[in-house]
Protein backbone atom coordinates (compact mmCIF):
# COMPACT_ATOMS: atom_id res chain seq x y z
CA MET A 1 0.00 0.00 0.00
CA GLU A 2 2.79 2.44 0.86
CA SER A 3 4.36 2.11 -2.59
CA LEU A 4 0.97 2.78 -4.21
CA ILE A 5 0.43 5.86 -2.06
CA SER A 6 3.88 7.18 -2.91
CA PHE A 7 3.30 6.58 -6.63
CA LEU A 8 -0.12 8.25 -6.63
CA LYS A 9 1.00 11.28 -4.64
CA LYS A 10 3.58 11.98 -7.32
CA ALA A 11 1.41 11.03 -10.32
CA LEU A 12 -1.49 13.22 -9.21
CA THR A 13 0.71 16.34 -9.22
CA THR A 14 1.57 15.88 -12.91
CA GLU A 15 -0.65 16.49 -15.94
CA LEU A 16 -3.52 14.00 -15.78
CA PRO A 17 -4.82 12.05 -18.80
CA GLY A 18 -8.24 13.67 -18.31
CA GLN A 19 -10.84 13.47 -21.05
CA ASP A 20 -8.72 11.24 -23.28
CA ALA A 21 -8.81 8.52 -20.62
CA GLN A 22 -12.41 9.20 -19.61
CA ALA A 23 -13.59 8.90 -23.22
CA ILE A 24 -12.35 5.29 -23.47
CA MET A 25 -15.29 4.21 -21.31
CA MET A 26 -17.77 6.79 -22.56
CA PRO A 27 -21.06 5.42 -23.95
CA THR A 28 -21.76 6.19 -27.59
CA LEU A 29 -24.96 6.38 -29.57
CA SER A 30 -25.78 3.63 -32.04
CA ASP A 31 -24.06 5.60 -34.82
CA ARG A 32 -20.92 5.78 -32.60
CA SER A 33 -21.30 9.52 -32.06
CA ARG A 34 -20.32 10.68 -28.58
CA PHE A 35 -21.93 12.80 -25.93
CA SER A 36 -20.22 16.04 -24.92
CA LEU A 37 -17.75 16.02 -22.04
CA GLU A 38 -17.82 19.80 -21.71
CA ALA A 39 -19.66 21.00 -18.61
CA LYS A 40 -22.73 23.11 -19.30
CA LYS A 41 -23.19 26.50 -17.73
CA GLY A 42 -25.04 26.04 -14.46
CA ALA A 43 -23.86 22.45 -13.92
CA ARG A 44 -24.12 21.50 -10.25
CA PRO A 45 -20.85 20.78 -8.43
CA GLY A 46 -20.38 17.40 -6.77
CA GLY A 47 -17.71 15.24 -5.23
CA VAL A 48 -17.10 11.49 -5.11
CA MET A 49 -14.57 9.40 -3.20
CA ILE A 50 -12.23 6.65 -4.41
CA LEU A 51 -11.25 5.17 -1.06
CA PHE A 52 -8.39 2.67 -0.92
CA TYR A 53 -7.89 0.34 2.01
CA LEU A 54 -5.97 -2.84 2.77
CA LYS A 55 -7.81 -6.12 3.31
CA ASP A 56 -6.19 -9.56 3.39
CA GLU A 57 -3.02 -8.01 1.89
CA GLU A 58 -4.99 -6.75 -1.15
CA ILE A 59 -5.90 -3.16 -2.00
CA TYR A 60 -9.64 -2.57 -2.28
CA PHE A 61 -12.02 0.31 -2.92
CA PRO A 62 -15.79 0.45 -2.33
CA LEU A 63 -18.45 1.05 -4.94
CA ILE A 64 -22.12 1.39 -4.08
CA GLN A 65 -25.23 0.24 -5.89
CA ARG A 66 -27.95 2.84 -5.85
CA PRO A 67 -31.49 1.76 -4.88
CA ASP A 68 -34.26 1.35 -7.42
CA TYR A 69 -35.96 4.74 -7.56
CA ASP A 70 -37.48 7.11 -10.10
CA GLY A 71 -34.27 8.73 -11.30
CA VAL A 72 -31.53 8.61 -13.92
CA HIS A 73 -29.05 6.72 -11.69
CA ALA A 74 -31.42 4.08 -10.26
CA LYS A 75 -29.70 0.70 -9.60
CA GLN A 76 -26.43 1.99 -11.04
CA MET A 77 -22.99 1.38 -9.59
CA SER A 78 -21.23 4.50 -8.35
CA PHE A 79 -18.72 5.89 -5.91
CA PRO A 80 -19.92 7.26 -2.60
CA GLY A 81 -20.52 10.95 -3.14
CA GLY A 82 -23.03 13.60 -4.03
CA LYS A 83 -23.77 17.28 -4.46
CA LYS A 84 -21.84 20.06 -2.74
CA ASP A 85 -23.64 21.54 0.24
CA ASP A 86 -23.41 25.25 1.01
CA GLU A 87 -21.37 24.56 4.14
CA ASP A 88 -18.80 22.41 2.29
CA GLU A 89 -15.57 24.38 1.92
CA SER A 90 -14.51 22.32 -1.11
CA LEU A 91 -15.51 19.35 -3.24
CA ILE A 92 -12.97 17.28 -1.33
CA ILE A 93 -14.93 18.03 1.85
CA THR A 94 -18.09 17.08 -0.05
CA ALA A 95 -16.61 13.69 -0.96
CA ILE A 96 -15.49 13.00 2.62
CA ARG A 97 -18.85 14.04 4.09
CA GLU A 98 -20.88 12.01 1.60
CA THR A 99 -18.69 8.94 2.15
CA ASN A 100 -19.41 9.16 5.87
CA GLU A 101 -23.13 9.69 5.33
CA GLU A 102 -23.62 7.01 2.68
CA ILE A 103 -21.40 4.14 3.84
CA GLY A 104 -20.53 5.05 7.43
CA VAL A 105 -16.78 5.48 6.99
CA GLU A 106 -15.16 7.59 9.72
CA SER A 107 -14.14 10.90 8.17
CA GLY A 108 -11.17 11.35 10.50
CA LYS A 109 -9.53 8.17 9.23
CA ILE A 110 -9.48 9.26 5.58
CA GLU A 111 -6.19 10.66 4.28
CA VAL A 112 -6.72 12.60 1.05
CA ILE A 113 -3.82 12.19 -1.37
CA GLY A 114 -5.17 14.01 -4.42
CA SER A 115 -7.87 14.22 -7.06
CA LEU A 116 -8.53 13.05 -10.60
CA SER A 117 -9.88 15.21 -13.42
CA GLU A 118 -13.36 16.65 -13.10
CA LEU A 119 -16.07 14.88 -15.11
CA TYR A 120 -19.29 16.35 -16.45
CA ILE A 121 -22.25 13.97 -16.09
CA ILE A 122 -24.75 14.90 -18.75
CA ALA A 123 -27.64 12.78 -17.40
CA SER A 124 -27.83 14.66 -14.09
CA ASN A 125 -26.03 17.91 -15.05
CA PHE A 126 -23.33 17.47 -12.40
CA ASN A 127 -19.69 18.45 -12.68
CA VAL A 128 -17.94 15.97 -10.38
CA LEU A 129 -14.49 15.98 -8.79
CA PRO A 130 -13.21 12.48 -7.88
CA THR A 131 -11.07 12.56 -4.73
CA ILE A 132 -8.64 9.77 -3.85
CA GLY A 133 -8.38 8.86 -0.19
CA ILE A 134 -6.65 6.23 1.93
CA PHE A 135 -8.47 4.70 4.88
CA GLY A 136 -6.36 3.91 7.91
CA GLY A 137 -7.51 0.44 8.88
CA LEU A 138 -10.33 -1.83 7.75
CA PRO A 139 -13.56 0.10 7.18
CA ASP A 140 -16.73 -1.04 8.91
CA PHE A 141 -19.30 -0.16 6.27
CA LEU A 142 -22.74 0.97 7.41
CA ALA A 143 -24.88 1.74 4.38
CA ASP A 144 -27.57 4.41 4.41
CA GLU A 145 -30.59 2.36 3.35
CA HIS A 146 -32.15 5.34 1.59
CA GLU A 147 -29.06 6.05 -0.54
CA VAL A 148 -27.34 2.68 -0.88
CA ASP A 149 -28.67 -0.73 -1.85
CA GLU A 150 -25.33 -2.53 -1.52
CA VAL A 151 -21.67 -1.77 -0.76
CA VAL A 152 -19.42 -3.66 -3.19
CA GLU A 153 -15.76 -4.16 -2.24
CA VAL A 154 -13.62 -4.21 -5.39
CA LYS A 155 -10.02 -5.39 -5.65
CA LEU A 156 -7.84 -2.82 -7.38
CA THR A 157 -6.13 -5.63 -9.32
CA ASP A 158 -9.52 -6.50 -10.86
CA LEU A 159 -9.79 -2.98 -12.27
CA MET A 160 -6.31 -3.36 -13.78
CA ASP A 161 -7.27 -6.65 -15.48
CA ASP A 162 -8.03 -5.86 -19.15
CA ALA A 163 -10.33 -8.90 -19.32
CA LYS A 164 -12.73 -7.02 -17.02
CA GLN A 165 -13.16 -4.25 -19.61
CA LYS A 166 -16.12 -5.03 -21.89
CA GLU A 167 -18.88 -3.43 -23.96
CA LYS A 168 -22.54 -4.12 -24.65
CA PRO A 169 -25.63 -2.36 -26.03
CA MET A 170 -28.04 -0.80 -23.53
CA THR A 171 -31.41 0.87 -23.78
CA ILE A 172 -31.68 3.98 -21.63
CA LEU A 173 -34.27 6.72 -21.10
CA GLN A 174 -36.77 7.34 -23.89
CA GLY A 175 -35.78 4.06 -25.54
CA ILE A 176 -32.41 5.32 -26.79
CA THR A 177 -29.93 2.54 -27.59
CA ILE A 178 -26.30 3.13 -26.68
CA ASN A 179 -23.07 1.18 -26.89
CA ALA A 180 -21.84 1.06 -23.31
CA PRO A 181 -18.27 0.17 -22.37
CA TYR A 182 -18.20 -1.20 -18.83
CA PHE A 183 -16.06 -2.85 -16.19
CA ASP A 184 -17.23 -6.27 -15.04
CA LEU A 185 -16.38 -6.00 -11.34
CA ASN A 186 -17.72 -8.47 -8.76
CA ASP A 187 -20.30 -9.53 -11.36
CA LYS A 188 -21.61 -5.95 -11.47
CA VAL A 189 -21.86 -3.85 -14.63
CA VAL A 190 -19.98 -0.63 -13.87
CA TRP A 191 -20.61 1.83 -16.69
CA GLY A 192 -21.26 5.50 -17.39
CA ALA A 193 -19.59 8.18 -15.27
CA THR A 194 -18.20 5.69 -12.75
CA ALA A 195 -16.48 3.68 -15.48
CA MET A 196 -15.12 6.87 -17.03
CA ILE A 197 -13.58 7.92 -13.72
CA LEU A 198 -12.15 4.43 -13.24
CA SER A 199 -10.71 4.59 -16.76
CA GLU A 200 -8.60 7.62 -15.85
CA LEU A 201 -7.52 5.96 -12.60
CA LYS A 202 -6.54 2.80 -14.47
CA GLN A 203 -4.47 4.74 -17.00
CA ILE A 204 -2.65 6.59 -14.23
CA LEU A 205 -1.89 3.32 -12.41
CA GLN A 206 -0.70 1.31 -15.41
CA PRO A 207 3.01 2.25 -15.00
CA PHE A 208 2.84 1.28 -11.33
CA TYR A 209 1.45 -2.18 -12.06
CA LYS A 210 3.82 -2.80 -14.96
CA ASN A 211 6.70 -2.46 -12.52
CA GLN A 212 5.25 -4.86 -9.95
């Protein structure tokens, strides 16, 4: 874990791959045209947390499955996170607060080591900053039943496995068919904004894992 932390602290201070990496996992329309990654004026700010921790000598991070509700992200896999509150001093604070509220992780045990590139989520009109944190110890997850259907613990090595990167057609709102790249993680289909964020993380980490 210490070598990963050291690598990331350095890598996150350099120029990030950004939209080029995000676009690898971006859904496309049936004619292969892409949605825009440029944030619209008035987009709402939000923060999400990529939280690494050590379990059985493996590095993990949690994803959450949203409940089934009347909304654009129902049943989808995502990071803990949400919209910026007025009292939040930054989007990093937003990510820490939301992680505590949604999955019960103690805020004081999260060490923030940096952030990835912001991502505009067209479906909900959010501009999201992904924060990377390290949890000191083994988290005792306590899911908010109104916000979280399931906490899914993902091995970081599974993300780095190219065999987990797939694509399939999906039908979304208003019957629109898209081609959706996704990560097959713990038998869950991780696509959309979450997959795009993970795509940038994976690209940043590739040199680290090549040297292992």
